Amino acid sequence: MDKSARKIKVKREFAAARDRVWSAWTDASLLDQWWAPKPWKAVTKVMDFREGGYWLYAMTGPDGEKHWARADFLSIRPQESFSYKDAFCDENGTINQSLPQAEWMNRFSENGNSTVVEIEISYENLSDLESIIEMGFKEGFSSGLENLDELLEK
């Protein structure tokens, strides 16, 4: 976490080819298998993976509780990178302006037989970044990435 730049940076290496890792990040049927920390599940309502498209999904808890979010895709360079604006919303995709929003940049590179994913998440202000951390982002996202490790092992 870089508070002065209002960014979270994550670098993670996965034991799989880049095309498989890319698909896990861009195919809704695969995203739904790893994105949410257990026992939660991600459930995609809309996935339109193209520049100008969006992903609308719910994080669904074991008791049926749902938290909706959307990712509006800004740029896509197949197998190399994609960026999006991330926001909390309702089930129709209407953004909740009172909750933090962020811009994500995800870069994919090969390293021998594995793939390195570098993620940079930028916030408009420090209070938004701190709010996300307080909501448990680090623990939740780390758990999701562990789920991705498991998925790629299959």
C-alpha atoms as a PDB file:
ATOM      1  CA  MET A   1       0.000   0.000   0.000  1.00  0.00           C
ATOM      2  CA  ASP A   2       1.368   3.401  -1.000  1.00  0.00           C
ATOM      3  CA  LYS A   3      -0.666   5.954   0.938  1.00  0.00           C
ATOM      4  CA  SER A   4       1.086   8.986  -0.540  1.00  0.00           C
ATOM      5  CA  ALA A   5       0.168   7.854  -4.089  1.00  0.00           C
ATOM      6  CA  ARG A   6      -3.253   6.504  -2.966  1.00  0.00           C
ATOM      7  CA  LYS A   7      -2.492   3.086  -4.502  1.00  0.00           C
ATOM      8  CA  ILE A   8      -2.491  -0.590  -3.678  1.00  0.00           C
ATOM      9  CA  LYS A   9      -0.005  -2.681  -5.633  1.00  0.00           C
ATOM     10  CA  VAL A  10      -0.121  -6.458  -5.846  1.00  0.00           C
ATOM     11  CA  LYS A  11       2.291  -8.716  -7.709  1.00  0.00           C
ATOM     12  CA  ARG A  12       1.503 -12.406  -7.864  1.00  0.00           C
ATOM     13  CA  GLU A  13       3.000 -15.297  -9.800  1.00  0.00           C
ATOM     14  CA  PHE A  14       0.787 -18.193 -10.888  1.00  0.00           C
ATOM     15  CA  ALA A  15       1.978 -21.650 -11.959  1.00  0.00           C
ATOM     16  CA  ALA A  16       0.123 -21.603 -15.275  1.00  0.00           C
ATOM     17  CA  ALA A  17       0.466 -20.324 -18.830  1.00  0.00           C
ATOM     18  CA  ARG A  18      -0.541 -16.748 -19.538  1.00  0.00           C
ATOM     19  CA  ASP A  19      -3.573 -17.704 -21.667  1.00  0.00           C
ATOM     20  CA  ARG A  20      -5.016 -19.747 -18.777  1.00  0.00           C
ATOM     21  CA  VAL A  21      -4.420 -16.972 -16.238  1.00  0.00           C
ATOM     22  CA  TRP A  22      -5.860 -14.363 -18.629  1.00  0.00           C
ATOM     23  CA  SER A  23      -8.994 -16.482 -19.077  1.00  0.00           C
ATOM     24  CA  ALA A  24      -9.377 -16.837 -15.313  1.00  0.00           C
ATOM     25  CA  TRP A  25      -9.474 -13.030 -15.044  1.00  0.00           C
ATOM     26  CA  THR A  26     -11.729 -12.366 -18.053  1.00  0.00           C
ATOM     27  CA  ASP A  27     -14.157 -15.306 -18.382  1.00  0.00           C
ATOM     28  CA  ALA A  28     -17.157 -14.956 -16.048  1.00  0.00           C
ATOM     29  CA  SER A  29     -17.560 -18.708 -15.547  1.00  0.00           C
ATOM     30  CA  LEU A  30     -13.973 -18.866 -14.251  1.00  0.00           C
ATOM     31  CA  LEU A  31     -14.091 -15.582 -12.300  1.00  0.00           C
ATOM     32  CA  ASP A  32     -17.125 -16.848 -10.420  1.00  0.00           C
ATOM     33  CA  GLN A  33     -15.043 -19.808  -9.207  1.00  0.00           C
ATOM     34  CA  TRP A  34     -12.306 -17.772  -7.521  1.00  0.00           C
ATOM     35  CA  TRP A  35     -13.064 -14.053  -7.120  1.00  0.00           C
ATOM     36  CA  ALA A  36     -14.870 -14.203  -3.755  1.00  0.00           C
ATOM     37  CA  PRO A  37     -13.202 -15.268  -0.504  1.00  0.00           C
ATOM     38  CA  LYS A  38     -14.676 -18.518   0.827  1.00  0.00           C
ATOM     39  CA  PRO A  39     -17.373 -19.156   1.990  1.00  0.00           C
ATOM     40  CA  TRP A  40     -18.620 -16.306  -0.213  1.00  0.00           C
ATOM     41  CA  LYS A  41     -19.248 -16.816  -3.937  1.00  0.00           C
ATOM     42  CA  ALA A  42     -19.070 -14.416  -6.877  1.00  0.00           C
ATOM     43  CA  VAL A  43     -22.128 -14.603  -9.126  1.00  0.00           C
ATOM     44  CA  THR A  44     -21.980 -12.809 -12.465  1.00  0.00           C
ATOM     45  CA  LYS A  45     -25.128 -11.131 -13.766  1.00  0.00           C
ATOM     46  CA  VAL A  46     -23.523  -9.445 -16.822  1.00  0.00           C
ATOM     47  CA  MET A  47     -20.089  -9.880 -18.418  1.00  0.00           C
ATOM     48  CA  ASP A  48     -19.361  -7.792 -21.483  1.00  0.00           C
ATOM     49  CA  PHE A  49     -15.571  -7.983 -21.693  1.00  0.00           C
ATOM     50  CA  ARG A  50     -14.729  -5.281 -24.216  1.00  0.00           C
ATOM     51  CA  GLU A  51     -13.628  -1.658 -23.999  1.00  0.00           C
ATOM     52  CA  GLY A  52     -16.766   0.212 -22.957  1.00  0.00           C
ATOM     53  CA  GLY A  53     -18.342  -2.989 -21.595  1.00  0.00           C
ATOM     54  CA  TYR A  54     -18.746  -3.984 -17.971  1.00  0.00           C
ATOM     55  CA  TRP A  55     -18.884  -6.833 -15.456  1.00  0.00           C
ATOM     56  CA  LEU A  56     -21.790  -6.762 -12.987  1.00  0.00           C
ATOM     57  CA  TYR A  57     -21.602  -9.300 -10.194  1.00  0.00           C
ATOM     58  CA  ALA A  58     -22.656 -10.025  -6.638  1.00  0.00           C
ATOM     59  CA  MET A  59     -20.548 -11.268  -3.764  1.00  0.00           C
ATOM     60  CA  THR A  60     -22.998 -13.709  -2.216  1.00  0.00           C
ATOM     61  CA  GLY A  61     -22.617 -14.830   1.387  1.00  0.00           C
ATOM     62  CA  PRO A  62     -23.447 -18.242   2.821  1.00  0.00           C
ATOM     63  CA  ASP A  63     -26.732 -16.844   4.202  1.00  0.00           C
ATOM     64  CA  GLY A  64     -27.730 -15.314   0.846  1.00  0.00           C
ATOM     65  CA  GLU A  65     -26.502 -11.787   1.624  1.00  0.00           C
ATOM     66  CA  LYS A  66     -25.443  -9.962  -1.562  1.00  0.00           C
ATOM     67  CA  HIS A  67     -23.044  -7.096  -2.172  1.00  0.00           C
ATOM     68  CA  TRP A  68     -23.089  -5.848  -5.771  1.00  0.00           C
ATOM     69  CA  ALA A  69     -20.199  -4.381  -7.738  1.00  0.00           C
ATOM     70  CA  ARG A  70     -19.389  -3.446 -11.295  1.00  0.00           C
ATOM     71  CA  ALA A  71     -16.230  -3.068 -13.319  1.00  0.00           C
ATOM     72  CA  ASP A  72     -16.397  -0.753 -16.337  1.00  0.00           C
ATOM     73  CA  PHE A  73     -13.673  -1.776 -18.798  1.00  0.00           C
ATOM     74  CA  LEU A  74     -11.510   1.137 -19.974  1.00  0.00           C
ATOM     75  CA  SER A  75      -8.747  -0.557 -21.970  1.00  0.00           C
ATOM     76  CA  ILE A  76      -7.985  -4.104 -23.087  1.00  0.00           C
ATOM     77  CA  ARG A  77      -4.786  -5.422 -24.660  1.00  0.00           C
ATOM     78  CA  PRO A  78      -5.474  -9.173 -25.062  1.00  0.00           C
ATOM     79  CA  GLN A  79      -3.147 -11.387 -23.042  1.00  0.00           C
ATOM     80  CA  GLU A  80      -1.202  -8.297 -21.866  1.00  0.00           C
ATOM     81  CA  SER A  81      -3.344  -5.941 -19.780  1.00  0.00           C
ATOM     82  CA  PHE A  82      -6.742  -4.524 -19.016  1.00  0.00           C
ATOM     83  CA  SER A  83      -7.999  -1.683 -16.877  1.00  0.00           C
ATOM     84  CA  TYR A  84     -11.349  -0.868 -15.371  1.00  0.00           C
ATOM     85  CA  LYS A  85     -13.194   1.459 -13.043  1.00  0.00           C
ATOM     86  CA  ASP A  86     -14.453  -0.485 -10.019  1.00  0.00           C
ATOM     87  CA  ALA A  87     -17.472   0.558  -7.940  1.00  0.00           C
ATOM     88  CA  PHE A  88     -20.064  -0.740  -5.519  1.00  0.00           C
ATOM     89  CA  CYS A  89     -23.572  -0.662  -6.951  1.00  0.00           C
ATOM     90  CA  ASP A  90     -27.072  -2.147  -6.745  1.00  0.00           C
ATOM     91  CA  GLU A  91     -28.338  -5.221  -8.599  1.00  0.00           C
ATOM     92  CA  ASN A  92     -29.069  -3.067 -11.667  1.00  0.00           C
ATOM     93  CA  GLY A  93     -25.541  -1.669 -11.821  1.00  0.00           C
ATOM     94  CA  THR A  94     -26.414   1.787 -10.474  1.00  0.00           C
ATOM     95  CA  ILE A  95     -23.240   2.992  -8.776  1.00  0.00           C
ATOM     96  CA  ASN A  96     -23.335   3.879  -5.076  1.00  0.00           C
ATOM     97  CA  GLN A  97     -21.557   7.241  -5.064  1.00  0.00           C
ATOM     98  CA  SER A  98     -21.147   7.194  -1.268  1.00  0.00           C
ATOM     99  CA  LEU A  99     -18.753   4.216  -1.369  1.00  0.00           C
ATOM    100  CA  PRO A 100     -15.152   4.186  -2.634  1.00  0.00           C
ATOM    101  CA  GLN A 101     -14.389   3.705  -6.318  1.00  0.00           C
ATOM    102  CA  ALA A 102     -11.048   2.730  -7.811  1.00  0.00           C
ATOM    103  CA  GLU A 103      -9.279   2.273 -11.108  1.00  0.00           C
ATOM    104  CA  TRP A 104      -7.569  -1.089 -11.618  1.00  0.00           C
ATOM    105  CA  MET A 105      -4.731  -1.823 -14.033  1.00  0.00           C
ATOM    106  CA  ASN A 106      -3.896  -5.521 -14.447  1.00  0.00           C
ATOM    107  CA  ARG A 107      -0.765  -6.557 -16.369  1.00  0.00           C
ATOM    108  CA  PHE A 108       0.113 -10.122 -17.391  1.00  0.00           C
ATOM    109  CA  SER A 109       3.602 -11.358 -18.295  1.00  0.00           C
ATOM    110  CA  GLU A 110       5.228 -14.732 -18.768  1.00  0.00           C
ATOM    111  CA  ASN A 111       8.013 -15.947 -16.528  1.00  0.00           C
ATOM    112  CA  GLY A 112       9.097 -19.340 -17.838  1.00  0.00           C
ATOM    113  CA  ASN A 113       6.197 -21.736 -17.217  1.00  0.00           C
ATOM    114  CA  SER A 114       4.370 -19.310 -14.969  1.00  0.00           C
ATOM    115  CA  THR A 115       2.538 -16.006 -15.300  1.00  0.00           C
ATOM    116  CA  VAL A 116       3.094 -12.839 -13.300  1.00  0.00           C
ATOM    117  CA  VAL A 117       0.099 -10.597 -12.698  1.00  0.00           C
ATOM    118  CA  GLU A 118       0.821  -7.047 -11.559  1.00  0.00           C
ATOM    119  CA  ILE A 119      -2.150  -5.124 -10.223  1.00  0.00           C
ATOM    120  CA  GLU A 120      -2.246  -1.432  -9.446  1.00  0.00           C
ATOM    121  CA  ILE A 121      -5.384  -0.060  -7.805  1.00  0.00           C
ATOM    122  CA  SER A 122      -5.663   3.733  -7.671  1.00  0.00           C
ATOM    123  CA  TYR A 123      -7.999   5.742  -5.452  1.00  0.00           C
ATOM    124  CA  GLU A 124      -9.085   9.334  -5.838  1.00  0.00           C
ATOM    125  CA  ASN A 125      -8.323  10.130  -2.208  1.00  0.00           C
ATOM    126  CA  LEU A 126      -6.615   8.587   0.803  1.00  0.00           C
ATOM    127  CA  SER A 127      -9.845   8.160   2.775  1.00  0.00           C
ATOM    128  CA  ASP A 128     -11.231   5.875   0.034  1.00  0.00           C
ATOM    129  CA  LEU A 129      -8.111   3.709   0.153  1.00  0.00           C
ATOM    130  CA  GLU A 130      -8.230   3.543   3.956  1.00  0.00           C
ATOM    131  CA  SER A 131     -11.947   2.707   3.855  1.00  0.00           C
ATOM    132  CA  ILE A 132     -11.330  -0.251   1.522  1.00  0.00           C
ATOM    133  CA  ILE A 133      -8.554  -1.538   3.787  1.00  0.00           C
ATOM    134  CA  GLU A 134     -10.900  -1.272   6.796  1.00  0.00           C
ATOM    135  CA  MET A 135     -13.527  -3.271   4.851  1.00  0.00           C
ATOM    136  CA  GLY A 136     -11.051  -6.166   4.720  1.00  0.00           C
ATOM    137  CA  PHE A 137      -9.747  -5.806   1.158  1.00  0.00           C
ATOM    138  CA  LYS A 138      -6.310  -7.272   1.904  1.00  0.00           C
ATOM    139  CA  GLU A 139      -7.652 -10.420   3.552  1.00  0.00           C
ATOM    140  CA  GLY A 140     -10.473 -10.880   1.035  1.00  0.00           C
ATOM    141  CA  PHE A 141      -8.358 -10.343  -2.076  1.00  0.00           C
ATOM    142  CA  SER A 142      -5.546 -12.547  -0.730  1.00  0.00           C
ATOM    143  CA  SER A 143      -8.096 -15.307  -0.153  1.00  0.00           C
ATOM    144  CA  GLY A 144      -9.452 -14.879  -3.686  1.00  0.00           C
ATOM    145  CA  LEU A 145      -5.959 -15.153  -5.170  1.00  0.00           C
ATOM    146  CA  GLU A 146      -5.436 -18.363  -3.209  1.00  0.00           C
ATOM    147  CA  ASN A 147      -8.684 -19.639  -4.759  1.00  0.00           C
ATOM    148  CA  LEU A 148      -7.206 -18.793  -8.165  1.00  0.00           C
ATOM    149  CA  ASP A 149      -4.087 -20.825  -7.336  1.00  0.00           C
ATOM    150  CA  GLU A 150      -6.370 -23.797  -6.607  1.00  0.00           C
ATOM    151  CA  LEU A 151      -8.390 -23.299  -9.796  1.00  0.00           C
ATOM    152  CA  LEU A 152      -5.254 -23.168 -11.948  1.00  0.00           C
ATOM    153  CA  GLU A 153      -3.964 -26.397 -10.386  1.00  0.00           C
ATOM    154  CA  LYS A 154      -6.949 -28.287 -11.821  1.00  0.00           C
END
